[in-house]
């Protein structure tokens, strides 16, 4: 059995500007967004990562993409595959995990 919720009954939380404010300072602002969402070309990926490497909000961008499990594009200088690897490493090296 599958349940479907009508969209009119869906209530989303109000957006909070402070959670997105970092984007105002992003180095990619004003760049062609296709540059960050082209897949399969290492030249385009390298160009996007170069822009990210000079970004003052690289860490916030990366953290957002990792936390949101963003499945597409270059965010915080990382591809989806790199973000998944980062996420797995972060789970492994949490403060509550002890190595014997």
N, C-alpha and C. Protein backbone atom coordinates (compact mmCIF):
# COMPACT_ATOMS: atom_id res chain seq x y z
N UNK A 1 0.84 -1.17 0.00
CA UNK A 1 0.00 0.00 0.00
C UNK A 1 0.89 1.24 0.00
N UNK A 2 0.52 2.22 -0.77
CA UNK A 2 1.30 3.45 -0.89
C UNK A 2 0.45 4.63 -0.46
N UNK A 3 1.02 5.48 0.40
CA UNK A 3 0.31 6.66 0.86
C UNK A 3 0.81 7.88 0.10
N UNK A 4 -0.10 8.71 -0.33
CA UNK A 4 0.24 9.93 -1.04
C UNK A 4 -0.33 11.10 -0.25
N UNK A 5 0.53 12.07 0.05
CA UNK A 5 0.09 13.26 0.78
C UNK A 5 -0.13 14.37 -0.24
N UNK A 6 -1.33 14.92 -0.30
CA UNK A 6 -1.56 16.04 -1.22
C UNK A 6 -0.67 17.23 -0.86
N UNK A 7 -0.16 17.91 -1.88
CA UNK A 7 0.74 19.03 -1.64
C UNK A 7 0.10 20.15 -0.84
N UNK A 8 -1.19 20.34 -0.98
CA UNK A 8 -1.84 21.41 -0.25
C UNK A 8 -1.77 21.18 1.26
N UNK A 9 -1.58 19.92 1.69
CA UNK A 9 -1.48 19.59 3.11
C UNK A 9 -0.04 19.62 3.63
N UNK A 10 0.89 19.82 2.73
CA UNK A 10 2.30 19.83 3.09
C UNK A 10 2.69 21.20 3.64
N UNK A 11 3.26 21.23 4.83
CA UNK A 11 3.69 22.48 5.44
C UNK A 11 5.20 22.44 5.60
N UNK A 12 5.88 23.36 4.95
CA UNK A 12 7.33 23.44 5.04
C UNK A 12 7.72 24.55 6.01
N UNK A 13 8.87 24.38 6.67
CA UNK A 13 9.31 25.46 7.57
C UNK A 13 9.68 26.70 6.76
N UNK A 14 9.57 27.84 7.38
CA UNK A 14 9.94 29.10 6.72
C UNK A 14 11.45 29.10 6.49
N UNK A 15 11.90 29.66 5.35
CA UNK A 15 13.34 29.72 5.11
C UNK A 15 14.01 30.65 6.12
N UNK A 16 15.21 30.29 6.49
CA UNK A 16 15.97 31.10 7.44
C UNK A 16 17.18 31.66 6.73
N UNK A 17 17.20 32.96 6.52
CA UNK A 17 18.25 33.62 5.75
C UNK A 17 19.65 33.34 6.30
N UNK A 18 19.78 33.24 7.61
CA UNK A 18 21.11 33.03 8.18
C UNK A 18 21.72 31.68 7.76
N UNK A 19 20.89 30.73 7.38
CA UNK A 19 21.39 29.43 6.94
C UNK A 19 21.94 29.49 5.51
N UNK A 20 21.55 30.50 4.76
CA UNK A 20 21.95 30.63 3.36
C UNK A 20 22.85 31.83 3.11
N UNK A 21 23.08 32.65 4.12
CA UNK A 21 23.81 33.90 3.96
C UNK A 21 25.22 33.70 3.38
N UNK A 22 25.84 32.59 3.68
CA UNK A 22 27.18 32.32 3.18
C UNK A 22 27.24 32.36 1.65
N UNK A 23 26.13 32.04 0.99
CA UNK A 23 26.12 31.99 -0.47
C UNK A 23 26.39 33.36 -1.11
N UNK A 24 26.10 34.42 -0.40
CA UNK A 24 26.32 35.77 -0.93
C UNK A 24 27.81 35.98 -1.23
N UNK A 25 28.68 35.36 -0.45
CA UNK A 25 30.12 35.54 -0.60
C UNK A 25 30.79 34.45 -1.44
N UNK A 26 30.01 33.56 -2.03
CA UNK A 26 30.57 32.45 -2.79
C UNK A 26 31.27 32.92 -4.07
N UNK A 27 32.41 32.32 -4.36
CA UNK A 27 33.18 32.66 -5.55
C UNK A 27 32.43 32.29 -6.83
N UNK A 28 31.50 31.36 -6.74
CA UNK A 28 30.75 30.92 -7.92
C UNK A 28 29.59 31.85 -8.28
N UNK A 29 29.29 32.80 -7.41
CA UNK A 29 28.20 33.75 -7.71
C UNK A 29 28.51 34.47 -9.01
N UNK A 30 27.56 34.46 -9.91
CA UNK A 30 27.75 35.13 -11.19
C UNK A 30 28.37 34.24 -12.25
N UNK A 31 28.87 33.08 -11.85
CA UNK A 31 29.42 32.13 -12.83
C UNK A 31 28.26 31.35 -13.46
N UNK A 32 28.51 30.77 -14.61
CA UNK A 32 27.51 29.93 -15.27
C UNK A 32 27.33 28.66 -14.43
N UNK A 33 26.13 28.41 -13.94
CA UNK A 33 25.89 27.25 -13.07
C UNK A 33 26.14 25.93 -13.80
N UNK A 34 26.04 25.92 -15.12
CA UNK A 34 26.32 24.69 -15.87
C UNK A 34 27.75 24.22 -15.64
N UNK A 35 28.63 25.14 -15.35
CA UNK A 35 30.02 24.80 -15.08
C UNK A 35 30.13 23.85 -13.89
N UNK A 36 29.25 24.00 -12.93
CA UNK A 36 29.29 23.19 -11.71
C UNK A 36 28.42 21.94 -11.79
N UNK A 37 27.64 21.82 -12.85
CA UNK A 37 26.73 20.69 -12.96
C UNK A 37 26.91 19.88 -14.23
N UNK A 38 27.97 20.14 -14.99
CA UNK A 38 28.29 19.31 -16.15
C UNK A 38 28.89 18.02 -15.60
N UNK A 39 28.48 16.91 -16.16
CA UNK A 39 29.04 15.66 -15.66
C UNK A 39 29.87 14.98 -16.75
N UNK A 40 30.87 14.28 -16.31
CA UNK A 40 31.64 13.45 -17.21
C UNK A 40 32.83 14.12 -17.89
N UNK A 41 33.01 15.41 -17.74
CA UNK A 41 34.16 16.05 -18.38
C UNK A 41 35.12 16.55 -17.31
N UNK A 42 36.33 15.99 -17.34
CA UNK A 42 37.30 16.36 -16.32
C UNK A 42 37.78 17.79 -16.46
N UNK A 43 37.76 18.34 -17.68
CA UNK A 43 38.19 19.72 -17.88
C UNK A 43 37.22 20.69 -17.20
N UNK A 44 35.92 20.45 -17.37
CA UNK A 44 34.92 21.31 -16.73
C UNK A 44 34.98 21.15 -15.22
N UNK A 45 35.14 19.92 -14.76
CA UNK A 45 35.25 19.66 -13.31
C UNK A 45 36.45 20.39 -12.73
N UNK A 46 37.57 20.36 -13.41
CA UNK A 46 38.78 21.03 -12.94
C UNK A 46 38.57 22.55 -12.88
N UNK A 47 37.87 23.09 -13.86
CA UNK A 47 37.60 24.52 -13.88
C UNK A 47 36.71 24.91 -12.69
N UNK A 48 35.68 24.12 -12.43
CA UNK A 48 34.79 24.39 -11.30
C UNK A 48 35.56 24.29 -9.98
N UNK A 49 36.38 23.27 -9.85
CA UNK A 49 37.16 23.09 -8.62
C UNK A 49 38.17 24.22 -8.41
N UNK A 50 38.70 24.77 -9.51
CA UNK A 50 39.63 25.90 -9.39
C UNK A 50 38.92 27.10 -8.79
N UNK A 51 37.69 27.35 -9.24
CA UNK A 51 36.89 28.46 -8.67
C UNK A 51 36.63 28.19 -7.19
N UNK A 52 36.27 26.97 -6.88
CA UNK A 52 36.01 26.61 -5.48
C UNK A 52 37.25 26.79 -4.60
N UNK A 53 38.41 26.49 -5.15
CA UNK A 53 39.63 26.55 -4.34
C UNK A 53 39.94 27.96 -3.87
N UNK A 54 39.41 28.96 -4.55
CA UNK A 54 39.63 30.36 -4.17
C UNK A 54 38.45 30.95 -3.41
N UNK A 55 37.50 30.12 -3.04
CA UNK A 55 36.26 30.60 -2.44
C UNK A 55 36.39 30.82 -0.93
N UNK A 56 35.92 31.98 -0.45
CA UNK A 56 36.00 32.26 0.98
C UNK A 56 35.00 31.46 1.82
N UNK A 57 34.02 30.85 1.18
CA UNK A 57 33.01 30.09 1.93
C UNK A 57 33.02 28.61 1.53
N UNK A 58 34.19 28.13 1.11
CA UNK A 58 34.31 26.74 0.66
C UNK A 58 33.83 25.76 1.72
N UNK A 59 34.23 25.95 2.96
CA UNK A 59 33.85 25.01 4.04
C UNK A 59 32.34 24.98 4.27
N UNK A 60 31.70 26.15 4.27
CA UNK A 60 30.24 26.20 4.47
C UNK A 60 29.52 25.50 3.32
N UNK A 61 30.00 25.74 2.11
CA UNK A 61 29.41 25.13 0.92
C UNK A 61 29.54 23.61 0.99
N UNK A 62 30.74 23.16 1.29
CA UNK A 62 31.00 21.72 1.38
C UNK A 62 30.12 21.09 2.46
N UNK A 63 30.06 21.72 3.62
CA UNK A 63 29.26 21.17 4.72
C UNK A 63 27.79 21.11 4.35
N UNK A 64 27.29 22.15 3.68
CA UNK A 64 25.90 22.15 3.25
C UNK A 64 25.63 20.96 2.33
N UNK A 65 26.49 20.75 1.33
CA UNK A 65 26.28 19.68 0.37
C UNK A 65 26.38 18.30 1.02
N UNK A 66 27.30 18.14 1.95
CA UNK A 66 27.45 16.86 2.65
C UNK A 66 26.22 16.61 3.53
N UNK A 67 25.82 17.60 4.31
CA UNK A 67 24.67 17.44 5.20
C UNK A 67 23.38 17.19 4.42
N UNK A 68 23.24 17.83 3.26
CA UNK A 68 22.03 17.69 2.45
C UNK A 68 22.08 16.47 1.54
N UNK A 69 23.19 15.74 1.57
CA UNK A 69 23.40 14.61 0.65
C UNK A 69 23.12 15.03 -0.80
N UNK A 70 23.65 16.18 -1.16
CA UNK A 70 23.46 16.73 -2.50
C UNK A 70 23.99 15.73 -3.54
N UNK A 71 23.12 15.23 -4.42
CA UNK A 71 23.54 14.18 -5.35
C UNK A 71 24.16 14.68 -6.65
N UNK A 72 24.18 15.98 -6.89
CA UNK A 72 24.65 16.49 -8.17
C UNK A 72 25.62 17.65 -8.00
N UNK A 73 26.50 17.81 -8.96
CA UNK A 73 27.32 19.00 -9.07
C UNK A 73 28.54 19.06 -8.18
N UNK A 74 29.33 20.09 -8.43
CA UNK A 74 30.51 20.39 -7.62
C UNK A 74 30.07 21.37 -6.55
N UNK A 75 30.22 20.98 -5.30
CA UNK A 75 29.90 21.83 -4.15
C UNK A 75 31.10 21.78 -3.22
N UNK A 76 31.56 22.91 -2.78
CA UNK A 76 32.70 22.94 -1.86
C UNK A 76 33.93 22.27 -2.44
N UNK A 77 34.06 22.31 -3.75
CA UNK A 77 35.21 21.72 -4.41
C UNK A 77 35.18 20.21 -4.50
N UNK A 78 34.01 19.61 -4.26
CA UNK A 78 33.91 18.15 -4.27
C UNK A 78 32.82 17.67 -5.21
N UNK A 79 33.08 16.53 -5.85
CA UNK A 79 32.10 15.86 -6.69
C UNK A 79 31.16 15.06 -5.78
N UNK A 80 30.04 14.58 -6.30
CA UNK A 80 29.16 13.73 -5.47
C UNK A 80 29.89 12.52 -4.89
N UNK A 81 30.75 11.90 -5.67
CA UNK A 81 31.49 10.73 -5.17
C UNK A 81 32.45 11.13 -4.05
N UNK A 82 33.13 12.25 -4.21
CA UNK A 82 34.05 12.72 -3.17
C UNK A 82 33.30 13.09 -1.89
N UNK A 83 32.11 13.67 -2.04
CA UNK A 83 31.30 14.00 -0.86
C UNK A 83 30.85 12.75 -0.13
N UNK A 84 30.51 11.72 -0.88
CA UNK A 84 30.10 10.46 -0.25
C UNK A 84 31.27 9.85 0.53
N UNK A 85 32.45 9.89 -0.05
CA UNK A 85 33.64 9.38 0.66
C UNK A 85 33.91 10.21 1.92
N UNK A 86 33.78 11.51 1.81
CA UNK A 86 33.97 12.42 2.95
C UNK A 86 32.95 12.09 4.05
N UNK A 87 31.70 11.85 3.65
CA UNK A 87 30.63 11.54 4.60
C UNK A 87 30.95 10.24 5.34
N UNK A 88 31.41 9.24 4.60
CA UNK A 88 31.76 7.96 5.23
C UNK A 88 32.92 8.11 6.20
N UNK A 89 33.94 8.87 5.82
CA UNK A 89 35.08 9.08 6.71
C UNK A 89 34.65 9.82 7.97
N UNK A 90 33.77 10.79 7.80
CA UNK A 90 33.30 11.56 8.95
C UNK A 90 32.54 10.66 9.92
N UNK A 91 31.76 9.72 9.40
CA UNK A 91 31.03 8.79 10.27
C UNK A 91 32.01 7.91 11.03
N UNK A 92 33.07 7.50 10.37
CA UNK A 92 34.04 6.61 10.99
C UNK A 92 34.83 7.31 12.09
N UNK A 93 35.18 8.58 11.88
CA UNK A 93 36.01 9.30 12.83
C UNK A 93 35.20 10.27 13.68
N UNK A 94 34.17 9.79 14.29
CA UNK A 94 33.37 10.63 15.18
C UNK A 94 33.95 10.54 16.59
N UNK A 95 33.74 11.57 17.42
CA UNK A 95 34.31 11.58 18.78
C UNK A 95 33.86 10.40 19.64
N UNK A 96 32.68 9.87 19.40
CA UNK A 96 32.18 8.78 20.24
C UNK A 96 32.73 7.43 19.83
N UNK A 97 33.43 7.36 18.72
CA UNK A 97 34.00 6.10 18.25
C UNK A 97 35.43 6.00 18.76
N UNK A 98 35.73 4.94 19.44
CA UNK A 98 37.07 4.76 20.00
C UNK A 98 37.80 3.66 19.26
N UNK A 99 39.08 3.89 19.04
CA UNK A 99 39.92 2.88 18.41
C UNK A 99 40.68 2.16 19.50
N UNK A 100 40.62 0.82 19.47
CA UNK A 100 41.32 0.03 20.49
C UNK A 100 42.72 -0.28 20.08
